[in-house]
């Protein structure tokens, strides 16, 4: 089925890749994702409307899914948790491979330093 082909989602927008990478370690709630992404991106502000719209799109596309919260969490807090689906994992892997392939040429052209051989 074409819908299950990870390549159809590529290339990913930076925020989409950031979300998929953050969820690769396990389920997270929205605010935790925002803090992690901002920390990795050097503190750049993420607009909440854009962020939650992106989460909805990823959910609708089947790349992430809602996950149950932590059992010891305060029930009055309305945190929504998300986790990667198997398709989301495949898409993240496909994007990582695509980006890795893009770096091969700049390294051979000496634009980027090639790490020393071991």
N, C-alpha and C. Protein backbone atom coordinates (compact mmCIF):
# COMPACT_ATOMS: atom_id res chain seq x y z
N UNK A 1 0.83 -1.17 0.00
CA UNK A 1 0.00 0.00 0.00
C UNK A 1 0.89 1.25 0.00
N UNK A 2 0.58 2.22 -0.83
CA UNK A 2 1.39 3.44 -0.96
C UNK A 2 1.43 4.23 0.34
N UNK A 3 0.37 4.18 1.12
CA UNK A 3 0.30 4.94 2.37
C UNK A 3 1.36 4.49 3.36
N UNK A 4 1.79 3.25 3.28
CA UNK A 4 2.78 2.71 4.21
C UNK A 4 4.22 2.90 3.74
N UNK A 5 4.42 3.55 2.61
CA UNK A 5 5.78 3.77 2.11
C UNK A 5 6.38 5.01 2.78
N UNK A 6 7.44 4.86 3.56
CA UNK A 6 8.02 6.01 4.27
C UNK A 6 8.52 7.11 3.32
N UNK A 7 8.96 6.73 2.14
CA UNK A 7 9.54 7.70 1.21
C UNK A 7 8.55 8.78 0.78
N UNK A 8 7.28 8.49 0.87
CA UNK A 8 6.28 9.47 0.43
C UNK A 8 6.23 10.68 1.35
N UNK A 9 6.79 10.57 2.56
CA UNK A 9 6.79 11.67 3.51
C UNK A 9 8.04 12.55 3.40
N UNK A 10 9.02 12.09 2.64
CA UNK A 10 10.31 12.78 2.57
C UNK A 10 10.33 13.86 1.51
N UNK A 11 11.14 14.89 1.68
CA UNK A 11 11.93 15.22 2.86
C UNK A 11 11.04 15.77 3.97
N UNK A 12 11.49 15.57 5.20
CA UNK A 12 10.72 16.04 6.36
C UNK A 12 11.08 17.49 6.67
N UNK A 13 10.10 18.22 7.16
CA UNK A 13 10.36 19.56 7.67
C UNK A 13 11.15 19.40 8.97
N UNK A 14 12.00 20.38 9.29
CA UNK A 14 12.82 20.26 10.51
C UNK A 14 12.02 19.97 11.78
N UNK A 15 10.89 20.64 11.99
CA UNK A 15 10.11 20.40 13.20
C UNK A 15 9.58 18.97 13.24
N UNK A 16 9.18 18.45 12.10
CA UNK A 16 8.68 17.07 12.03
C UNK A 16 9.79 16.11 12.42
N UNK A 17 10.98 16.30 11.85
CA UNK A 17 12.10 15.42 12.20
C UNK A 17 12.44 15.55 13.68
N UNK A 18 12.44 16.77 14.21
CA UNK A 18 12.72 16.97 15.63
C UNK A 18 11.73 16.20 16.51
N UNK A 19 10.47 16.23 16.16
CA UNK A 19 9.44 15.52 16.94
C UNK A 19 9.66 14.01 16.86
N UNK A 20 9.90 13.51 15.65
CA UNK A 20 10.10 12.06 15.50
C UNK A 20 11.35 11.60 16.26
N UNK A 21 12.41 12.40 16.21
CA UNK A 21 13.63 12.05 16.94
C UNK A 21 13.40 12.05 18.45
N UNK A 22 12.66 13.04 18.93
CA UNK A 22 12.38 13.11 20.37
C UNK A 22 11.53 11.92 20.83
N UNK A 23 10.62 11.47 19.98
CA UNK A 23 9.76 10.35 20.35
C UNK A 23 10.45 8.99 20.16
N UNK A 24 11.60 8.97 19.51
CA UNK A 24 12.32 7.71 19.31
C UNK A 24 12.75 7.10 20.65
N UNK A 25 12.88 7.94 21.67
CA UNK A 25 13.27 7.45 23.00
C UNK A 25 12.09 6.96 23.83
N UNK A 26 10.88 7.16 23.34
CA UNK A 26 9.71 6.71 24.07
C UNK A 26 8.64 7.79 24.12
N UNK A 27 7.51 7.44 24.72
CA UNK A 27 6.37 8.37 24.73
C UNK A 27 6.71 9.63 25.50
N UNK A 28 6.10 10.72 25.07
CA UNK A 28 6.32 12.02 25.70
C UNK A 28 5.04 12.83 25.61
N UNK A 29 4.88 13.77 26.52
CA UNK A 29 3.76 14.70 26.41
C UNK A 29 4.22 15.94 25.67
N UNK A 30 3.27 16.71 25.18
CA UNK A 30 3.56 17.84 24.30
C UNK A 30 4.57 18.82 24.85
N UNK A 31 4.40 19.25 26.10
CA UNK A 31 5.30 20.25 26.66
C UNK A 31 6.71 19.69 26.81
N UNK A 32 6.84 18.42 27.15
CA UNK A 32 8.15 17.78 27.23
C UNK A 32 8.84 17.78 25.87
N UNK A 33 8.08 17.53 24.83
CA UNK A 33 8.63 17.57 23.47
C UNK A 33 9.13 18.97 23.13
N UNK A 34 8.33 19.98 23.46
CA UNK A 34 8.71 21.37 23.17
C UNK A 34 10.02 21.70 23.86
N UNK A 35 10.13 21.39 25.15
CA UNK A 35 11.36 21.71 25.90
C UNK A 35 12.57 21.00 25.32
N UNK A 36 12.42 19.72 24.96
CA UNK A 36 13.53 18.96 24.40
C UNK A 36 13.97 19.54 23.07
N UNK A 37 13.05 19.85 22.21
CA UNK A 37 13.37 20.40 20.89
C UNK A 37 14.02 21.77 21.03
N UNK A 38 13.49 22.61 21.90
CA UNK A 38 14.08 23.93 22.10
C UNK A 38 15.50 23.81 22.62
N UNK A 39 15.75 22.89 23.52
CA UNK A 39 17.09 22.69 24.07
C UNK A 39 18.06 22.26 22.97
N UNK A 40 17.63 21.32 22.12
CA UNK A 40 18.49 20.84 21.04
C UNK A 40 18.71 21.89 19.96
N UNK A 41 17.74 22.75 19.77
CA UNK A 41 17.83 23.77 18.72
C UNK A 41 18.43 25.08 19.23
N UNK A 42 18.98 25.07 20.42
CA UNK A 42 19.62 26.27 20.94
C UNK A 42 18.67 27.28 21.54
N UNK A 43 17.50 26.85 21.97
CA UNK A 43 16.56 27.74 22.64
C UNK A 43 15.61 28.48 21.75
N UNK A 44 15.62 28.22 20.45
CA UNK A 44 14.68 28.89 19.56
C UNK A 44 13.25 28.59 19.99
N UNK A 45 12.43 29.62 19.99
CA UNK A 45 11.05 29.50 20.42
C UNK A 45 10.23 28.72 19.38
N UNK A 46 9.38 27.84 19.87
CA UNK A 46 8.47 27.10 19.01
C UNK A 46 7.08 27.68 19.22
N UNK A 47 6.43 28.07 18.16
CA UNK A 47 5.09 28.62 18.27
C UNK A 47 4.11 27.51 18.59
N UNK A 48 3.34 27.65 19.68
CA UNK A 48 2.43 26.57 20.09
C UNK A 48 1.44 26.16 19.01
N UNK A 49 0.86 27.12 18.30
CA UNK A 49 -0.12 26.77 17.27
C UNK A 49 0.49 25.90 16.19
N UNK A 50 1.68 26.25 15.74
CA UNK A 50 2.38 25.47 14.72
C UNK A 50 2.76 24.09 15.26
N UNK A 51 3.22 24.05 16.50
CA UNK A 51 3.65 22.79 17.10
C UNK A 51 2.48 21.80 17.21
N UNK A 52 1.38 22.25 17.78
CA UNK A 52 0.25 21.33 17.98
C UNK A 52 -0.44 20.98 16.66
N UNK A 53 -0.40 21.87 15.70
CA UNK A 53 -0.92 21.56 14.36
C UNK A 53 -0.06 20.47 13.72
N UNK A 54 1.26 20.57 13.91
CA UNK A 54 2.17 19.55 13.39
C UNK A 54 1.91 18.21 14.06
N UNK A 55 1.70 18.21 15.38
CA UNK A 55 1.38 16.95 16.07
C UNK A 55 0.11 16.33 15.52
N UNK A 56 -0.91 17.14 15.29
CA UNK A 56 -2.18 16.61 14.73
C UNK A 56 -1.95 16.01 13.35
N UNK A 57 -1.16 16.69 12.52
CA UNK A 57 -0.88 16.18 11.18
C UNK A 57 -0.13 14.86 11.26
N UNK A 58 0.87 14.78 12.13
CA UNK A 58 1.63 13.54 12.29
C UNK A 58 0.71 12.41 12.76
N UNK A 59 -0.20 12.73 13.67
CA UNK A 59 -1.16 11.72 14.14
C UNK A 59 -2.09 11.29 13.01
N UNK A 60 -2.61 12.26 12.27
CA UNK A 60 -3.52 11.95 11.17
C UNK A 60 -2.84 11.14 10.07
N UNK A 61 -1.54 11.37 9.87
CA UNK A 61 -0.77 10.63 8.86
C UNK A 61 -0.33 9.25 9.35
N UNK A 62 -0.56 8.98 10.64
CA UNK A 62 -0.20 7.67 11.18
C UNK A 62 1.25 7.54 11.60
N UNK A 63 1.97 8.66 11.77
CA UNK A 63 3.37 8.60 12.18
C UNK A 63 3.52 8.58 13.70
N UNK A 64 2.58 9.18 14.39
CA UNK A 64 2.55 9.14 15.84
C UNK A 64 1.13 8.77 16.28
N UNK A 65 1.02 8.37 17.54
CA UNK A 65 -0.30 8.04 18.07
C UNK A 65 -0.37 8.52 19.51
N UNK A 66 -1.59 8.73 19.98
CA UNK A 66 -1.77 9.10 21.37
C UNK A 66 -1.44 7.89 22.22
N UNK A 67 -0.79 8.14 23.35
CA UNK A 67 -0.38 7.07 24.25
C UNK A 67 -0.96 7.34 25.63
N UNK A 68 -1.18 6.30 26.42
CA UNK A 68 -1.69 6.52 27.77
C UNK A 68 -0.66 7.25 28.62
N UNK A 69 -1.15 8.05 29.57
CA UNK A 69 -0.26 8.79 30.48
C UNK A 69 0.35 7.88 31.52
N UNK A 70 1.17 8.47 32.36
CA UNK A 70 1.79 7.72 33.45
C UNK A 70 0.77 7.44 34.54
N UNK A 71 0.84 6.26 35.12
CA UNK A 71 -0.12 5.85 36.14
C UNK A 71 -0.02 6.72 37.40
N UNK A 72 1.17 7.20 37.73
CA UNK A 72 1.34 7.98 38.95
C UNK A 72 1.18 9.48 38.71
N UNK A 73 0.69 9.86 37.55
CA UNK A 73 0.51 11.27 37.23
C UNK A 73 -0.78 11.81 37.84
N UNK A 74 -0.75 13.06 38.21
CA UNK A 74 -1.93 13.73 38.77
C UNK A 74 -3.03 13.75 37.70
N UNK A 75 -4.19 13.13 37.97
CA UNK A 75 -5.26 13.06 36.98
C UNK A 75 -5.85 14.42 36.61
N UNK A 76 -5.61 15.44 37.45
CA UNK A 76 -6.14 16.76 37.12
C UNK A 76 -5.32 17.44 36.02
N UNK A 77 -4.10 16.96 35.80
CA UNK A 77 -3.29 17.50 34.70
C UNK A 77 -3.72 16.83 33.41
N UNK A 78 -4.00 17.63 32.42
CA UNK A 78 -4.52 17.08 31.16
C UNK A 78 -3.41 16.98 30.13
N UNK A 79 -2.41 16.22 30.41
CA UNK A 79 -1.31 16.05 29.47
C UNK A 79 -1.69 15.00 28.44
N UNK A 80 -1.34 15.31 27.21
CA UNK A 80 -1.59 14.38 26.13
C UNK A 80 -0.24 13.78 25.72
N UNK A 81 -0.14 12.48 25.79
CA UNK A 81 1.10 11.78 25.47
C UNK A 81 1.04 11.25 24.04
N UNK A 82 2.22 11.17 23.44
CA UNK A 82 2.36 10.67 22.07
C UNK A 82 3.50 9.68 22.01
N UNK A 83 3.41 8.75 21.07
CA UNK A 83 4.49 7.82 20.80
C UNK A 83 4.57 7.58 19.29
N UNK A 84 5.72 7.09 18.88
CA UNK A 84 5.91 6.76 17.46
C UNK A 84 5.13 5.51 17.10
N UNK A 85 4.62 5.47 15.89
CA UNK A 85 4.06 4.24 15.35
C UNK A 85 5.19 3.54 14.59
N UNK A 86 4.92 2.33 14.13
CA UNK A 86 5.96 1.64 13.35
C UNK A 86 6.23 2.41 12.06
N UNK A 87 5.19 3.01 11.46
CA UNK A 87 5.40 3.83 10.26
C UNK A 87 6.24 5.05 10.60
N UNK A 88 5.99 5.67 11.74
CA UNK A 88 6.77 6.83 12.16
C UNK A 88 8.25 6.49 12.32
N UNK A 89 8.53 5.32 12.87
CA UNK A 89 9.91 4.87 13.02
C UNK A 89 10.55 4.66 11.65
N UNK A 90 9.81 4.06 10.73
CA UNK A 90 10.34 3.84 9.37
C UNK A 90 10.62 5.16 8.67
N UNK A 91 9.73 6.13 8.85
CA UNK A 91 9.91 7.44 8.22
C UNK A 91 11.15 8.13 8.80
N UNK A 92 11.31 8.09 10.12
CA UNK A 92 12.48 8.71 10.75
C UNK A 92 13.76 8.06 10.25
N UNK A 93 13.76 6.72 10.13
CA UNK A 93 14.94 6.02 9.61
C UNK A 93 15.23 6.40 8.16
N UNK A 94 14.17 6.47 7.35
CA UNK A 94 14.35 6.82 5.94
C UNK A 94 14.92 8.24 5.80
N UNK A 95 14.46 9.15 6.64
CA UNK A 95 14.98 10.52 6.59
C UNK A 95 16.43 10.56 7.06
N UNK A 96 16.77 9.80 8.08
CA UNK A 96 18.16 9.75 8.55
C UNK A 96 19.07 9.22 7.45
N UNK A 97 18.63 8.19 6.74
CA UNK A 97 19.42 7.64 5.63
C UNK A 97 19.56 8.66 4.51
N UNK A 98 18.48 9.38 4.22
CA UNK A 98 18.52 10.40 3.17
C UNK A 98 19.50 11.50 3.53
N UNK A 99 19.48 11.95 4.77
CA UNK A 99 20.39 13.00 5.20
C UNK A 99 21.83 12.51 5.21
N UNK A 100 22.04 11.27 5.61
CA UNK A 100 23.39 10.71 5.61
C UNK A 100 23.94 10.67 4.18
N UNK A 101 23.11 10.27 3.24
CA UNK A 101 23.55 10.22 1.84
C UNK A 101 23.90 11.61 1.31
N UNK A 102 23.18 12.62 1.78
CA UNK A 102 23.49 13.99 1.35
C UNK A 102 24.86 14.44 1.82
N UNK A 103 25.32 13.91 2.96
CA UNK A 103 26.61 14.31 3.50
C UNK A 103 27.80 13.63 2.83
N UNK A 104 27.56 12.56 2.13
CA UNK A 104 28.67 11.85 1.49
C UNK A 104 29.38 12.76 0.49
N UNK A 105 28.64 13.43 -0.37
CA UNK A 105 29.26 14.27 -1.38
C UNK A 105 30.05 15.44 -0.78
N UNK A 106 29.51 16.22 0.15
CA UNK A 106 30.30 17.30 0.73
C UNK A 106 31.58 16.82 1.40
N UNK A 107 31.54 15.62 2.00
CA UNK A 107 32.76 15.11 2.63
C UNK A 107 33.82 14.79 1.59
N UNK A 108 33.40 14.19 0.48
CA UNK A 108 34.38 13.85 -0.54
C UNK A 108 34.91 15.09 -1.24
N UNK A 109 34.17 16.16 -1.22
CA UNK A 109 34.62 17.42 -1.82
C UNK A 109 35.34 18.30 -0.82
N UNK A 110 35.61 17.77 0.35
CA UNK A 110 36.37 18.45 1.40
C UNK A 110 35.69 19.71 1.93
N UNK A 111 34.38 19.77 1.84
CA UNK A 111 33.65 20.88 2.44
C UNK A 111 33.45 20.64 3.94
N UNK A 112 33.39 19.36 4.31
CA UNK A 112 33.29 18.99 5.70
C UNK A 112 34.46 18.07 6.02
N UNK A 113 34.93 18.15 7.24
CA UNK A 113 36.03 17.27 7.63
C UNK A 113 35.54 15.84 7.73
N UNK A 114 36.34 14.94 7.22
CA UNK A 114 36.05 13.51 7.33
C UNK A 114 36.69 13.03 8.62
N UNK A 115 35.92 12.34 9.47
CA UNK A 115 36.52 11.86 10.72
C UNK A 115 37.66 10.89 10.43
N UNK A 116 38.72 10.91 11.25
CA UNK A 116 39.85 10.01 11.01
C UNK A 116 39.42 8.54 11.09
N UNK A 117 40.07 7.72 10.30
CA UNK A 117 39.78 6.28 10.31
C UNK A 117 40.30 5.68 11.60
N UNK A 118 39.60 4.66 12.05
CA UNK A 118 40.04 3.97 13.29
C UNK A 118 40.84 2.76 12.97
